[in-house]
């Protein structure tokens, strides 16, 4: 669906999302890191060893947890 055909509520949500991405730089950085890691894993999965796959999965889970923590507003780093 083109942006011009979106319902007003969808446009408002999209505007809030864009504004949030511009304000929350920490969240944007972690999301970018998550996307980059997913792209690397998708490109190289066929050539990865089992320990590399395990590490990649653990890192994906950690990054997803970080995104959730930051998006939920808990800025204190986990230990």
C-alpha atoms as a PDB file:
ATOM      1  CA  UNK A   1       0.000   0.000   0.000  1.00  0.00           C
ATOM      2  CA  UNK A   2       1.362   3.404  -0.901  1.00  0.00           C
ATOM      3  CA  UNK A   3       1.779   6.020   1.838  1.00  0.00           C
ATOM      4  CA  UNK A   4      -0.866   8.196   0.204  1.00  0.00           C
ATOM      5  CA  UNK A   5      -3.455   5.408   0.552  1.00  0.00           C
ATOM      6  CA  UNK A   6      -2.772   4.677   4.225  1.00  0.00           C
ATOM      7  CA  UNK A   7      -5.479   5.395   6.721  1.00  0.00           C
ATOM      8  CA  UNK A   8      -4.904   8.463   8.922  1.00  0.00           C
ATOM      9  CA  UNK A   9      -4.249   6.273  11.990  1.00  0.00           C
ATOM     10  CA  UNK A  10      -1.571   4.320  10.104  1.00  0.00           C
ATOM     11  CA  UNK A  11       0.088   7.576   9.029  1.00  0.00           C
ATOM     12  CA  UNK A  12       0.058   8.817  12.628  1.00  0.00           C
ATOM     13  CA  UNK A  13       1.647   5.576  13.873  1.00  0.00           C
ATOM     14  CA  UNK A  14       4.270   5.724  11.133  1.00  0.00           C
ATOM     15  CA  UNK A  15       5.062   9.317  12.116  1.00  0.00           C
ATOM     16  CA  UNK A  16       5.466   8.350  15.769  1.00  0.00           C
ATOM     17  CA  UNK A  17       7.738   5.452  14.806  1.00  0.00           C
ATOM     18  CA  UNK A  18       9.947   7.717  12.711  1.00  0.00           C
ATOM     19  CA  UNK A  19      10.095  10.284  15.500  1.00  0.00           C
ATOM     20  CA  UNK A  20      11.004   7.571  18.029  1.00  0.00           C
ATOM     21  CA  UNK A  21      13.832   6.348  15.799  1.00  0.00           C
ATOM     22  CA  UNK A  22      15.219   9.870  15.585  1.00  0.00           C
ATOM     23  CA  UNK A  23      14.985  10.479  19.358  1.00  0.00           C
ATOM     24  CA  UNK A  24      16.146   7.138  20.727  1.00  0.00           C
ATOM     25  CA  UNK A  25      19.642   6.854  19.282  1.00  0.00           C
ATOM     26  CA  UNK A  26      20.581   3.952  21.547  1.00  0.00           C
ATOM     27  CA  UNK A  27      17.662   1.899  20.273  1.00  0.00           C
ATOM     28  CA  UNK A  28      18.520   2.802  16.673  1.00  0.00           C
ATOM     29  CA  UNK A  29      22.142   1.687  17.165  1.00  0.00           C
ATOM     30  CA  UNK A  30      21.163  -1.668  18.665  1.00  0.00           C
ATOM     31  CA  UNK A  31      18.550  -2.246  15.958  1.00  0.00           C
ATOM     32  CA  UNK A  32      21.142  -1.461  13.287  1.00  0.00           C
ATOM     33  CA  UNK A  33      23.559  -3.904  14.910  1.00  0.00           C
ATOM     34  CA  UNK A  34      20.845  -6.579  15.038  1.00  0.00           C
ATOM     35  CA  UNK A  35      19.971  -6.108  11.366  1.00  0.00           C
ATOM     36  CA  UNK A  36      23.631  -6.165  10.356  1.00  0.00           C
ATOM     37  CA  UNK A  37      24.218  -9.379  12.308  1.00  0.00           C
ATOM     38  CA  UNK A  38      21.150 -11.044  10.752  1.00  0.00           C
ATOM     39  CA  UNK A  39      22.397 -10.130   7.275  1.00  0.00           C
ATOM     40  CA  UNK A  40      25.870 -11.560   7.967  1.00  0.00           C
ATOM     41  CA  UNK A  41      24.428 -14.774   9.398  1.00  0.00           C
ATOM     42  CA  UNK A  42      22.028 -15.161   6.474  1.00  0.00           C
ATOM     43  CA  UNK A  43      24.913 -14.760   3.999  1.00  0.00           C
ATOM     44  CA  UNK A  44      27.346 -17.090   5.752  1.00  0.00           C
ATOM     45  CA  UNK A  45      25.192 -19.705   7.492  1.00  0.00           C
ATOM     46  CA  UNK A  46      26.024 -22.421   4.950  1.00  0.00           C
ATOM     47  CA  UNK A  47      29.750 -22.110   5.673  1.00  0.00           C
ATOM     48  CA  UNK A  48      29.591 -21.671   9.455  1.00  0.00           C
ATOM     49  CA  UNK A  49      30.828 -24.347  11.833  1.00  0.00           C
ATOM     50  CA  UNK A  50      28.494 -25.591  14.603  1.00  0.00           C
ATOM     51  CA  UNK A  51      30.277 -23.460  17.268  1.00  0.00           C
ATOM     52  CA  UNK A  52      29.959 -20.399  15.009  1.00  0.00           C
ATOM     53  CA  UNK A  53      26.240 -21.084  14.544  1.00  0.00           C
ATOM     54  CA  UNK A  54      25.822 -21.420  18.307  1.00  0.00           C
ATOM     55  CA  UNK A  55      27.635 -18.131  18.909  1.00  0.00           C
ATOM     56  CA  UNK A  56      25.611 -16.394  16.177  1.00  0.00           C
ATOM     57  CA  UNK A  57      22.366 -17.607  17.743  1.00  0.00           C
ATOM     58  CA  UNK A  58      23.445 -16.478  21.219  1.00  0.00           C
ATOM     59  CA  UNK A  59      24.390 -13.065  19.865  1.00  0.00           C
ATOM     60  CA  UNK A  60      21.050 -12.743  18.061  1.00  0.00           C
ATOM     61  CA  UNK A  61      19.242 -13.555  21.300  1.00  0.00           C
ATOM     62  CA  UNK A  62      21.350 -11.060  23.238  1.00  0.00           C
ATOM     63  CA  UNK A  63      20.732  -8.312  20.685  1.00  0.00           C
ATOM     64  CA  UNK A  64      16.988  -9.039  20.670  1.00  0.00           C
ATOM     65  CA  UNK A  65      16.985  -8.821  24.484  1.00  0.00           C
ATOM     66  CA  UNK A  66      18.819  -5.486  24.287  1.00  0.00           C
ATOM     67  CA  UNK A  67      16.291  -4.119  21.786  1.00  0.00           C
ATOM     68  CA  UNK A  68      13.441  -5.208  24.062  1.00  0.00           C
ATOM     69  CA  UNK A  69      15.090  -3.739  27.171  1.00  0.00           C
ATOM     70  CA  UNK A  70      15.761  -0.383  25.517  1.00  0.00           C
ATOM     71  CA  UNK A  71      12.341  -0.211  23.837  1.00  0.00           C
ATOM     72  CA  UNK A  72      10.667  -0.977  27.173  1.00  0.00           C
ATOM     73  CA  UNK A  73      12.497   1.948  28.730  1.00  0.00           C
ATOM     74  CA  UNK A  74      14.808   0.042  31.071  1.00  0.00           C
ATOM     75  CA  UNK A  75      18.032   1.953  30.434  1.00  0.00           C
ATOM     76  CA  UNK A  76      20.041   0.204  33.149  1.00  0.00           C
ATOM     77  CA  UNK A  77      22.469  -2.253  31.518  1.00  0.00           C
ATOM     78  CA  UNK A  78      22.106  -5.914  32.466  1.00  0.00           C
ATOM     79  CA  UNK A  79      24.936  -7.573  34.323  1.00  0.00           C
END
